[in-house]
Each structure stands twice: as C-alpha cells, then as structure tokens.
C-alpha cells in the first residue's frame, strides 16, 4: 500500500492566507507560485499524483517539496539556491547566511535534491 503524503496543516490563518494568495498570484516568481500551488492542492485533499499532473511536474518533485515544507516551521518555499545567475555578490552572501541559519536541507530524504 502506498504511503499517503500531504502538506502539514497551516500553523495559523496568516500562513494559510499568504500561501493561498501566492498560489493565485500573477506577479511573483514562477517557482514560488508552483510550490504554493503544490501545498494548497495538498491542503485541499489531492494526492501527489493528481498534484503532479495538475502542475506538470514529476511526482517525485511534488513529494520533495511537500517533504521540504513539512520539515520546517516557517514556509520557506520560495528560497532560492545561494548561487543563481544575475545575483550580486552581496545578495549571494546574504542568501547564503540566511540559508545556513535556517538549516534548509539540500536534499529530500527519499531521493535527492529538489528540482
């Protein structure tokens, strides 16, 4: 029997409102919107296969982001890797310091890095 994975419940109404608002946003980074849609679809009772089909991603990617969301008290679903093209050196060092203090996992427990 497959293991059913779902996003943890929102900690408060503010968190739920922010993530649902981001899921419906038009002017936000696409990866933030995608991750918010994955989480809200999970809250609405959809399974990982259904969510993956809806967002046009592999089920492993959906499971990875759900694991990552569940592992943290704060929904840092929009964090970026510290080295992205176009980032300035100051922004890179700030992002790296924030990531190291938050202890964001570099990989999902089941299969490796989140894509």
N, C-alpha and C. Protein backbone atom coordinates (compact mmCIF):
# COMPACT_ATOMS: atom_id res chain seq x y z
N UNK A 1 0.84 -1.18 0.00
CA UNK A 1 0.00 0.00 0.00
C UNK A 1 0.88 1.24 0.00
N UNK A 2 0.60 2.20 -0.89
CA UNK A 2 1.43 3.40 -0.96
C UNK A 2 1.24 4.29 0.26
N UNK A 3 2.29 5.02 0.57
CA UNK A 3 2.24 5.96 1.68
C UNK A 3 1.61 7.26 1.17
N UNK A 4 0.63 7.76 1.89
CA UNK A 4 -0.04 9.00 1.51
C UNK A 4 0.72 10.15 2.14
N UNK A 5 1.18 11.06 1.31
CA UNK A 5 1.93 12.22 1.77
C UNK A 5 1.09 13.47 1.55
N UNK A 6 1.05 14.31 2.56
CA UNK A 6 0.32 15.57 2.43
C UNK A 6 1.09 16.66 3.17
N UNK A 7 0.79 17.90 2.82
CA UNK A 7 1.43 19.04 3.49
C UNK A 7 0.88 19.15 4.90
N UNK A 8 1.75 19.58 5.82
CA UNK A 8 1.29 19.80 7.19
C UNK A 8 0.22 20.88 7.18
N UNK A 9 -0.59 20.88 8.21
CA UNK A 9 -1.63 21.91 8.32
C UNK A 9 -0.99 23.28 8.53
N UNK A 10 -1.63 24.34 8.06
CA UNK A 10 -1.06 25.67 8.28
C UNK A 10 -1.01 25.97 9.78
N UNK A 11 0.03 26.69 10.19
CA UNK A 11 0.19 26.99 11.61
C UNK A 11 -0.82 28.01 12.11
N UNK A 12 -1.24 28.90 11.24
CA UNK A 12 -2.24 29.89 11.61
C UNK A 12 -2.92 30.41 10.35
N UNK A 13 -3.89 31.24 10.52
CA UNK A 13 -4.63 31.77 9.38
C UNK A 13 -3.77 32.67 8.49
N UNK A 14 -2.81 33.35 9.09
CA UNK A 14 -1.93 34.23 8.32
C UNK A 14 -1.09 33.42 7.34
N UNK A 15 -0.51 32.32 7.83
CA UNK A 15 0.30 31.46 6.96
C UNK A 15 -0.55 30.90 5.81
N UNK A 16 -1.73 30.42 6.13
CA UNK A 16 -2.59 29.86 5.09
C UNK A 16 -2.97 30.93 4.07
N UNK A 17 -3.31 32.12 4.54
CA UNK A 17 -3.70 33.20 3.63
C UNK A 17 -2.56 33.58 2.70
N UNK A 18 -1.35 33.69 3.25
CA UNK A 18 -0.19 34.08 2.43
C UNK A 18 0.10 33.03 1.36
N UNK A 19 0.05 31.77 1.73
CA UNK A 19 0.37 30.72 0.76
C UNK A 19 -0.73 30.60 -0.29
N UNK A 20 -1.98 30.70 0.12
CA UNK A 20 -3.08 30.64 -0.87
C UNK A 20 -3.04 31.87 -1.79
N UNK A 21 -2.69 33.02 -1.25
CA UNK A 21 -2.58 34.23 -2.05
C UNK A 21 -1.44 34.07 -3.07
N UNK A 22 -0.33 33.52 -2.64
CA UNK A 22 0.79 33.29 -3.53
C UNK A 22 0.44 32.28 -4.62
N UNK A 23 -0.34 31.27 -4.28
CA UNK A 23 -0.73 30.25 -5.26
C UNK A 23 -1.57 30.84 -6.39
N UNK A 24 -2.29 31.90 -6.10
CA UNK A 24 -3.12 32.54 -7.13
C UNK A 24 -2.51 33.78 -7.73
N UNK A 25 -1.27 34.07 -7.36
CA UNK A 25 -0.62 35.30 -7.82
C UNK A 25 -0.26 35.24 -9.30
N UNK A 26 -0.23 36.41 -9.90
CA UNK A 26 0.21 36.52 -11.29
C UNK A 26 1.58 37.19 -11.39
N UNK A 27 1.92 37.97 -10.39
CA UNK A 27 3.17 38.72 -10.43
C UNK A 27 4.07 38.30 -9.27
N UNK A 28 4.57 37.08 -9.37
CA UNK A 28 5.52 36.54 -8.41
C UNK A 28 6.40 35.56 -9.17
N UNK A 29 7.55 35.22 -8.66
CA UNK A 29 8.38 34.24 -9.34
C UNK A 29 7.63 32.93 -9.55
N UNK A 30 7.80 32.36 -10.73
CA UNK A 30 7.05 31.16 -11.11
C UNK A 30 7.30 29.99 -10.16
N UNK A 31 8.53 29.83 -9.67
CA UNK A 31 8.81 28.71 -8.77
C UNK A 31 8.10 28.88 -7.43
N UNK A 32 7.94 30.12 -6.96
CA UNK A 32 7.19 30.36 -5.71
C UNK A 32 5.74 29.97 -5.90
N UNK A 33 5.18 30.40 -7.02
CA UNK A 33 3.78 30.10 -7.31
C UNK A 33 3.57 28.60 -7.42
N UNK A 34 4.48 27.92 -8.11
CA UNK A 34 4.38 26.47 -8.27
C UNK A 34 4.37 25.77 -6.91
N UNK A 35 5.30 26.13 -6.05
CA UNK A 35 5.39 25.48 -4.74
C UNK A 35 4.17 25.78 -3.89
N UNK A 36 3.66 26.99 -3.97
CA UNK A 36 2.45 27.34 -3.22
C UNK A 36 1.26 26.55 -3.75
N UNK A 37 1.17 26.36 -5.06
CA UNK A 37 0.08 25.56 -5.63
C UNK A 37 0.16 24.11 -5.19
N UNK A 38 1.37 23.58 -5.10
CA UNK A 38 1.54 22.20 -4.62
C UNK A 38 1.02 22.08 -3.20
N UNK A 39 1.37 23.02 -2.35
CA UNK A 39 0.96 22.97 -0.95
C UNK A 39 -0.55 23.14 -0.81
N UNK A 40 -1.12 24.11 -1.50
CA UNK A 40 -2.56 24.34 -1.37
C UNK A 40 -3.36 23.17 -1.94
N UNK A 41 -2.88 22.56 -3.01
CA UNK A 41 -3.57 21.39 -3.56
C UNK A 41 -3.54 20.24 -2.55
N UNK A 42 -2.43 20.11 -1.85
CA UNK A 42 -2.34 19.08 -0.81
C UNK A 42 -3.31 19.38 0.33
N UNK A 43 -3.39 20.65 0.73
CA UNK A 43 -4.35 21.04 1.78
C UNK A 43 -5.78 20.75 1.35
N UNK A 44 -6.05 20.86 0.04
CA UNK A 44 -7.40 20.63 -0.46
C UNK A 44 -7.72 19.14 -0.62
N UNK A 45 -6.77 18.28 -0.27
CA UNK A 45 -7.03 16.85 -0.25
C UNK A 45 -6.57 16.07 -1.47
N UNK A 46 -5.86 16.70 -2.39
CA UNK A 46 -5.38 16.00 -3.58
C UNK A 46 -4.14 15.19 -3.25
N UNK A 47 -3.96 14.07 -3.93
CA UNK A 47 -2.80 13.22 -3.72
C UNK A 47 -1.67 13.67 -4.63
N UNK A 48 -0.46 13.17 -4.36
CA UNK A 48 0.72 13.64 -5.08
C UNK A 48 0.62 13.40 -6.59
N UNK A 49 0.08 12.30 -7.01
CA UNK A 49 -0.06 12.03 -8.44
C UNK A 49 -0.98 13.02 -9.13
N UNK A 50 -2.07 13.36 -8.47
CA UNK A 50 -3.01 14.34 -9.02
C UNK A 50 -2.38 15.73 -9.07
N UNK A 51 -1.65 16.08 -8.02
CA UNK A 51 -0.99 17.38 -7.97
C UNK A 51 0.06 17.47 -9.07
N UNK A 52 0.85 16.41 -9.23
CA UNK A 52 1.90 16.40 -10.25
C UNK A 52 1.31 16.59 -11.65
N UNK A 53 0.20 15.93 -11.92
CA UNK A 53 -0.45 16.09 -13.22
C UNK A 53 -0.96 17.52 -13.41
N UNK A 54 -1.49 18.11 -12.36
CA UNK A 54 -2.05 19.45 -12.45
C UNK A 54 -0.98 20.51 -12.68
N UNK A 55 0.19 20.35 -12.06
CA UNK A 55 1.25 21.35 -12.18
C UNK A 55 2.31 20.97 -13.21
N UNK A 56 2.11 19.86 -13.90
CA UNK A 56 3.01 19.39 -14.96
C UNK A 56 4.43 19.17 -14.45
N UNK A 57 4.54 18.49 -13.33
CA UNK A 57 5.84 18.12 -12.76
C UNK A 57 5.81 16.64 -12.42
N UNK A 58 6.98 16.08 -12.19
CA UNK A 58 7.10 14.68 -11.82
C UNK A 58 6.60 14.49 -10.38
N UNK A 59 5.97 13.37 -10.07
CA UNK A 59 5.52 13.14 -8.70
C UNK A 59 6.64 13.22 -7.66
N UNK A 60 7.87 12.86 -8.05
CA UNK A 60 8.99 12.96 -7.11
C UNK A 60 9.24 14.42 -6.71
N UNK A 61 9.08 15.33 -7.67
CA UNK A 61 9.26 16.75 -7.37
C UNK A 61 8.20 17.23 -6.40
N UNK A 62 6.97 16.79 -6.60
CA UNK A 62 5.88 17.17 -5.69
C UNK A 62 6.16 16.62 -4.30
N UNK A 63 6.56 15.36 -4.22
CA UNK A 63 6.86 14.77 -2.91
C UNK A 63 8.02 15.50 -2.24
N UNK A 64 9.02 15.87 -3.03
CA UNK A 64 10.18 16.58 -2.48
C UNK A 64 9.76 17.89 -1.83
N UNK A 65 8.92 18.68 -2.53
CA UNK A 65 8.51 19.97 -1.97
C UNK A 65 7.58 19.80 -0.79
N UNK A 66 6.77 18.75 -0.79
CA UNK A 66 5.92 18.50 0.39
C UNK A 66 6.77 18.10 1.59
N UNK A 67 7.79 17.26 1.36
CA UNK A 67 8.70 16.89 2.45
C UNK A 67 9.41 18.14 2.98
N UNK A 68 9.86 18.98 2.08
CA UNK A 68 10.59 20.18 2.49
C UNK A 68 9.69 21.13 3.27
N UNK A 69 8.46 21.31 2.83
CA UNK A 69 7.52 22.16 3.54
C UNK A 69 7.21 21.60 4.92
N UNK A 70 7.02 20.29 5.01
CA UNK A 70 6.69 19.66 6.28
C UNK A 70 7.85 19.70 7.27
N UNK A 71 9.08 19.77 6.77
CA UNK A 71 10.25 19.72 7.64
C UNK A 71 10.52 21.04 8.37
N UNK A 72 9.87 22.12 7.95
CA UNK A 72 10.19 23.43 8.52
C UNK A 72 8.96 24.10 9.12
N UNK A 73 9.21 24.80 10.22
CA UNK A 73 8.13 25.52 10.87
C UNK A 73 7.68 26.72 10.04
N UNK A 74 8.61 27.36 9.37
CA UNK A 74 8.29 28.50 8.51
C UNK A 74 8.21 28.01 7.06
N UNK A 75 7.27 28.51 6.30
CA UNK A 75 7.12 28.03 4.92
C UNK A 75 8.11 28.69 3.96
N UNK A 76 9.36 28.34 4.04
CA UNK A 76 10.36 28.95 3.16
C UNK A 76 10.34 28.24 1.81
N UNK A 77 9.17 28.23 1.17
CA UNK A 77 9.02 27.54 -0.10
C UNK A 77 9.61 28.33 -1.24
N UNK A 78 9.89 29.59 -1.01
CA UNK A 78 10.36 30.44 -2.09
C UNK A 78 11.85 30.69 -2.04
N UNK A 79 12.58 30.00 -1.15
CA UNK A 79 14.01 30.27 -1.07
C UNK A 79 14.72 29.76 -2.32
N UNK A 80 15.73 30.47 -2.70
CA UNK A 80 16.49 30.13 -3.90
C UNK A 80 17.86 29.60 -3.49
N UNK A 81 18.47 28.82 -4.34
CA UNK A 81 19.85 28.42 -4.06
C UNK A 81 20.72 29.67 -3.95
N UNK A 82 21.78 29.64 -3.17
CA UNK A 82 22.58 30.83 -2.97
C UNK A 82 23.29 31.29 -4.23
N UNK A 83 23.47 30.45 -5.22
CA UNK A 83 24.17 30.85 -6.44
C UNK A 83 23.23 30.74 -7.64
N UNK A 84 22.70 31.87 -8.04
CA UNK A 84 21.84 31.94 -9.21
C UNK A 84 22.38 33.02 -10.13
N UNK A 85 22.32 32.79 -11.44
CA UNK A 85 22.80 33.82 -12.36
C UNK A 85 22.05 35.14 -12.15
N UNK A 86 22.78 36.24 -12.20
CA UNK A 86 22.17 37.55 -12.06
C UNK A 86 22.19 38.10 -10.65
N UNK A 87 22.50 37.28 -9.66
CA UNK A 87 22.56 37.77 -8.28
C UNK A 87 23.89 38.49 -8.05
N UNK A 88 23.83 39.56 -7.30
CA UNK A 88 25.06 40.27 -6.97
C UNK A 88 25.80 39.53 -5.86
N UNK A 89 27.05 39.87 -5.67
CA UNK A 89 27.86 39.22 -4.65
C UNK A 89 27.28 39.46 -3.26
N UNK A 90 26.78 40.66 -3.01
CA UNK A 90 26.20 40.96 -1.70
C UNK A 90 24.94 40.14 -1.46
N UNK A 91 24.12 40.03 -2.48
CA UNK A 91 22.89 39.25 -2.33
C UNK A 91 23.21 37.77 -2.14
N UNK A 92 24.24 37.29 -2.82
CA UNK A 92 24.63 35.89 -2.67
C UNK A 92 25.10 35.60 -1.26
N UNK A 93 25.92 36.48 -0.70
CA UNK A 93 26.41 36.23 0.65
C UNK A 93 25.28 36.31 1.67
N UNK A 94 24.34 37.23 1.47
CA UNK A 94 23.19 37.35 2.37
C UNK A 94 22.32 36.10 2.28
N UNK A 95 22.06 35.64 1.07
CA UNK A 95 21.24 34.43 0.89
C UNK A 95 21.92 33.23 1.51
N UNK A 96 23.24 33.13 1.35
CA UNK A 96 23.97 32.01 1.92
C UNK A 96 23.89 32.03 3.44
N UNK A 97 24.04 33.21 4.04
CA UNK A 97 23.97 33.33 5.50
C UNK A 97 22.57 32.96 6.01
N UNK A 98 21.53 33.41 5.30
CA UNK A 98 20.17 33.07 5.72
C UNK A 98 19.93 31.58 5.64
N UNK A 99 20.40 30.95 4.57
CA UNK A 99 20.20 29.52 4.41
C UNK A 99 20.93 28.75 5.51
N UNK A 100 22.14 29.17 5.83
CA UNK A 100 22.90 28.44 6.83
C UNK A 100 22.27 28.58 8.22
N UNK A 101 21.61 29.71 8.50
CA UNK A 101 20.98 29.87 9.80
C UNK A 101 19.65 29.14 9.88
N UNK A 102 18.98 28.96 8.74
CA UNK A 102 17.70 28.27 8.72
C UNK A 102 17.84 26.76 8.62
N UNK A 103 19.02 26.29 8.24
CA UNK A 103 19.29 24.87 8.08
C UNK A 103 18.31 24.21 7.11
N UNK A 104 18.22 24.76 5.91
CA UNK A 104 17.38 24.19 4.86
C UNK A 104 18.08 22.95 4.33
N UNK A 105 17.38 21.82 4.24
CA UNK A 105 18.04 20.62 3.74
C UNK A 105 18.38 20.77 2.26
N UNK A 106 19.53 20.25 1.87
CA UNK A 106 19.96 20.33 0.48
C UNK A 106 19.29 19.25 -0.35
N UNK A 107 18.77 18.23 0.30
CA UNK A 107 18.16 17.14 -0.44
C UNK A 107 16.96 16.60 0.31
N UNK A 108 16.08 15.99 -0.42
CA UNK A 108 14.92 15.35 0.20
C UNK A 108 15.36 14.01 0.79
N UNK A 109 14.71 13.54 1.83
CA UNK A 109 15.14 12.31 2.47
C UNK A 109 14.98 11.09 1.56
N UNK A 110 14.07 11.14 0.61
CA UNK A 110 13.80 9.94 -0.17
C UNK A 110 14.65 9.77 -1.42
N UNK A 111 15.00 10.86 -2.12
CA UNK A 111 15.64 10.65 -3.42
C UNK A 111 16.70 11.64 -3.83
N UNK A 112 16.94 12.67 -3.11
CA UNK A 112 17.99 13.59 -3.51
C UNK A 112 17.52 15.03 -3.58
N UNK A 113 18.22 15.84 -4.37
CA UNK A 113 17.92 17.28 -4.39
C UNK A 113 16.55 17.61 -4.99
N UNK A 114 15.95 18.66 -4.48
CA UNK A 114 14.68 19.15 -5.02
C UNK A 114 14.98 19.87 -6.32
N UNK A 115 14.13 19.68 -7.30
CA UNK A 115 14.32 20.32 -8.59
C UNK A 115 13.39 21.48 -8.76
